[in-house]
Structure formats: structure tokens, C-alpha cells
Amino acid sequence: MNPGSDTPRRAPRVLTIAGSDSSGGAGIEADLKVVTSYGVYGMTAITALTAQNTHGVNEVHVVPAEFLAKEIAACVEDVGVDIVKTGE
């Protein structure tokens, strides 16, 4: 609850804009782990897909800018965004 109110507190909405790490150690996957640990609502806009593991990156597929813009717009228009996180 919000202090002094009968209205339940809404979790902050975080949009992370980053690449995907298929091994789960960085990028979108790591960001979502952190966001979840803080109890906030996490959303993603993926900038690149990677084929990688703990030893290195084998290949990168960059998401076209037009599609990235649509990912961001979909989150903003529907759920709304309180915080944007990019990069490291």
C-alpha cells in the first residue's frame, strides 16, 4: 500500500534496452535477473542476438533499428515505463 492510502503500490516498470546473451551472463538476461530480484516489473527491447557462451561470442545478429523502435513503442504504449536502463 502507498503510505496514507488504500491504493496498492504499483511496482516500478523498467525497460532495459540491450543485447541478448545466450549464455545468460550479461545483456538482457542479466538485467532481468537484477530487475526481478528488486521486485520491479521488467520489460525488454533487444538490440542484438548473440551466439555466445562463457568463453566468447561466436556471432552477433543486429536487430534492425526500425524493429527496435517498435519494441520500445509497444512497451511504452501498453504497460508504460518508469525507468529505462541501457548498456552496462
C-alpha atoms as a PDB file:
ATOM      1  CA  MET A   1       0.000   0.000   0.000  1.00  0.00           C
ATOM      2  CA  ASN A   2       1.038   3.567  -0.546  1.00  0.00           C
ATOM      3  CA  PRO A   3       1.561   5.331   2.813  1.00  0.00           C
ATOM      4  CA  GLY A   4      -1.664   7.069   3.869  1.00  0.00           C
ATOM      5  CA  SER A   5      -3.638   5.495   1.034  1.00  0.00           C
ATOM      6  CA  ASP A   6      -5.832   2.490   0.341  1.00  0.00           C
ATOM      7  CA  THR A   7      -4.264   2.195  -3.120  1.00  0.00           C
ATOM      8  CA  PRO A   8      -1.861  -0.741  -3.576  1.00  0.00           C
ATOM      9  CA  ARG A   9       1.660   0.272  -4.516  1.00  0.00           C
ATOM     10  CA  ARG A  10       2.489  -0.461  -8.158  1.00  0.00           C
ATOM     11  CA  ALA A  11       5.881  -1.934  -8.902  1.00  0.00           C
ATOM     12  CA  PRO A  12       8.154   0.380 -10.915  1.00  0.00           C
ATOM     13  CA  ARG A  13       8.221  -0.504 -14.611  1.00  0.00           C
ATOM     14  CA  VAL A  14      11.735  -0.907 -16.023  1.00  0.00           C
ATOM     15  CA  LEU A  15      12.557  -1.145 -19.719  1.00  0.00           C
ATOM     16  CA  THR A  16      16.036  -2.472 -20.393  1.00  0.00           C
ATOM     17  CA  ILE A  17      17.458  -1.892 -23.864  1.00  0.00           C
ATOM     18  CA  ALA A  18      20.379  -4.206 -24.576  1.00  0.00           C
ATOM     19  CA  GLY A  19      21.680  -7.198 -26.450  1.00  0.00           C
ATOM     20  CA  SER A  20      20.817 -10.777 -25.617  1.00  0.00           C
ATOM     21  CA  ASP A  21      23.459 -13.102 -24.161  1.00  0.00           C
ATOM     22  CA  SER A  22      22.503 -16.682 -24.960  1.00  0.00           C
ATOM     23  CA  SER A  23      24.603 -17.953 -22.038  1.00  0.00           C
ATOM     24  CA  GLY A  24      22.671 -15.780 -19.577  1.00  0.00           C
ATOM     25  CA  GLY A  25      25.618 -13.972 -18.034  1.00  0.00           C
ATOM     26  CA  ALA A  26      25.139 -10.495 -19.482  1.00  0.00           C
ATOM     27  CA  GLY A  27      22.797  -8.326 -21.501  1.00  0.00           C
ATOM     28  CA  ILE A  28      19.031  -8.634 -21.310  1.00  0.00           C
ATOM     29  CA  GLU A  29      19.196 -11.902 -19.395  1.00  0.00           C
ATOM     30  CA  ALA A  30      21.387 -10.458 -16.622  1.00  0.00           C
ATOM     31  CA  ASP A  31      19.326  -7.266 -16.481  1.00  0.00           C
ATOM     32  CA  LEU A  32      16.105  -9.230 -15.977  1.00  0.00           C
ATOM     33  CA  LYS A  33      17.710 -11.235 -13.168  1.00  0.00           C
ATOM     34  CA  VAL A  34      18.593  -7.996 -11.356  1.00  0.00           C
ATOM     35  CA  VAL A  35      15.234  -6.340 -12.035  1.00  0.00           C
ATOM     36  CA  THR A  36      13.382  -9.400 -10.739  1.00  0.00           C
ATOM     37  CA  SER A  37      15.498  -9.503  -7.578  1.00  0.00           C
ATOM     38  CA  TYR A  38      14.302  -5.964  -6.772  1.00  0.00           C
ATOM     39  CA  GLY A  39      10.653  -6.864  -7.342  1.00  0.00           C
ATOM     40  CA  VAL A  40      10.093  -4.479 -10.209  1.00  0.00           C
ATOM     41  CA  TYR A  41       8.267  -5.131 -13.486  1.00  0.00           C
ATOM     42  CA  GLY A  42      10.840  -5.809 -16.215  1.00  0.00           C
ATOM     43  CA  MET A  43      10.441  -5.323 -19.967  1.00  0.00           C
ATOM     44  CA  THR A  44      12.968  -5.649 -22.761  1.00  0.00           C
ATOM     45  CA  ALA A  45      13.906  -4.195 -26.115  1.00  0.00           C
ATOM     46  CA  ILE A  46      16.570  -6.372 -27.688  1.00  0.00           C
ATOM     47  CA  THR A  47      19.252  -4.666 -29.787  1.00  0.00           C
ATOM     48  CA  ALA A  48      21.192  -7.766 -30.844  1.00  0.00           C
ATOM     49  CA  LEU A  49      21.096 -11.542 -30.615  1.00  0.00           C
ATOM     50  CA  THR A  50      24.320 -13.317 -29.839  1.00  0.00           C
ATOM     51  CA  ALA A  51      25.526 -16.872 -30.122  1.00  0.00           C
ATOM     52  CA  GLN A  52      27.849 -16.963 -27.161  1.00  0.00           C
ATOM     53  CA  ASN A  53      28.911 -18.850 -24.103  1.00  0.00           C
ATOM     54  CA  THR A  54      31.238 -18.204 -21.189  1.00  0.00           C
ATOM     55  CA  HIS A  55      34.257 -18.490 -23.499  1.00  0.00           C
ATOM     56  CA  GLY A  56      33.262 -15.863 -26.042  1.00  0.00           C
ATOM     57  CA  VAL A  57      30.937 -14.546 -28.701  1.00  0.00           C
ATOM     58  CA  ASN A  58      30.626 -16.665 -31.831  1.00  0.00           C
ATOM     59  CA  GLU A  59      28.260 -14.469 -33.828  1.00  0.00           C
ATOM     60  CA  VAL A  60      26.075 -11.372 -33.495  1.00  0.00           C
ATOM     61  CA  HIS A  61      22.821 -10.606 -35.298  1.00  0.00           C
ATOM     62  CA  VAL A  62      21.906  -6.913 -35.003  1.00  0.00           C
ATOM     63  CA  VAL A  63      18.206  -6.116 -34.723  1.00  0.00           C
ATOM     64  CA  PRO A  64      17.140  -3.527 -37.339  1.00  0.00           C
ATOM     65  CA  ALA A  65      16.596  -0.055 -35.834  1.00  0.00           C
ATOM     66  CA  GLU A  66      13.021   0.093 -37.131  1.00  0.00           C
ATOM     67  CA  PHE A  67      12.155  -3.079 -35.238  1.00  0.00           C
ATOM     68  CA  LEU A  68      13.907  -1.881 -32.072  1.00  0.00           C
ATOM     69  CA  ALA A  69      11.764   1.259 -32.186  1.00  0.00           C
ATOM     70  CA  LYS A  70       8.646  -0.926 -32.416  1.00  0.00           C
ATOM     71  CA  GLU A  71       9.753  -2.980 -29.399  1.00  0.00           C
ATOM     72  CA  ILE A  72      10.155   0.188 -27.333  1.00  0.00           C
ATOM     73  CA  ALA A  73       6.879   1.702 -28.538  1.00  0.00           C
ATOM     74  CA  ALA A  74       4.962  -1.489 -27.702  1.00  0.00           C
ATOM     75  CA  CYS A  75       6.133  -1.324 -24.075  1.00  0.00           C
ATOM     76  CA  VAL A  76       5.541   2.406 -23.686  1.00  0.00           C
ATOM     77  CA  GLU A  77       2.071   2.343 -25.268  1.00  0.00           C
ATOM     78  CA  ASP A  78       0.759  -0.646 -23.325  1.00  0.00           C
ATOM     79  CA  VAL A  79       2.440  -1.058 -19.940  1.00  0.00           C
ATOM     80  CA  GLY A  80       4.203   2.293 -19.581  1.00  0.00           C
ATOM     81  CA  VAL A  81       7.788   2.852 -18.474  1.00  0.00           C
ATOM     82  CA  ASP A  82       9.126   4.483 -15.317  1.00  0.00           C
ATOM     83  CA  ILE A  83      12.829   3.686 -15.803  1.00  0.00           C
ATOM     84  CA  VAL A  84      14.962   2.945 -18.881  1.00  0.00           C
ATOM     85  CA  LYS A  85      18.205   1.031 -18.458  1.00  0.00           C
ATOM     86  CA  THR A  86      20.761   0.785 -21.271  1.00  0.00           C
ATOM     87  CA  GLY A  87      24.264  -0.603 -21.548  1.00  0.00           C
ATOM     88  CA  GLU A  88      26.234  -1.711 -18.516  1.00  0.00           C
END
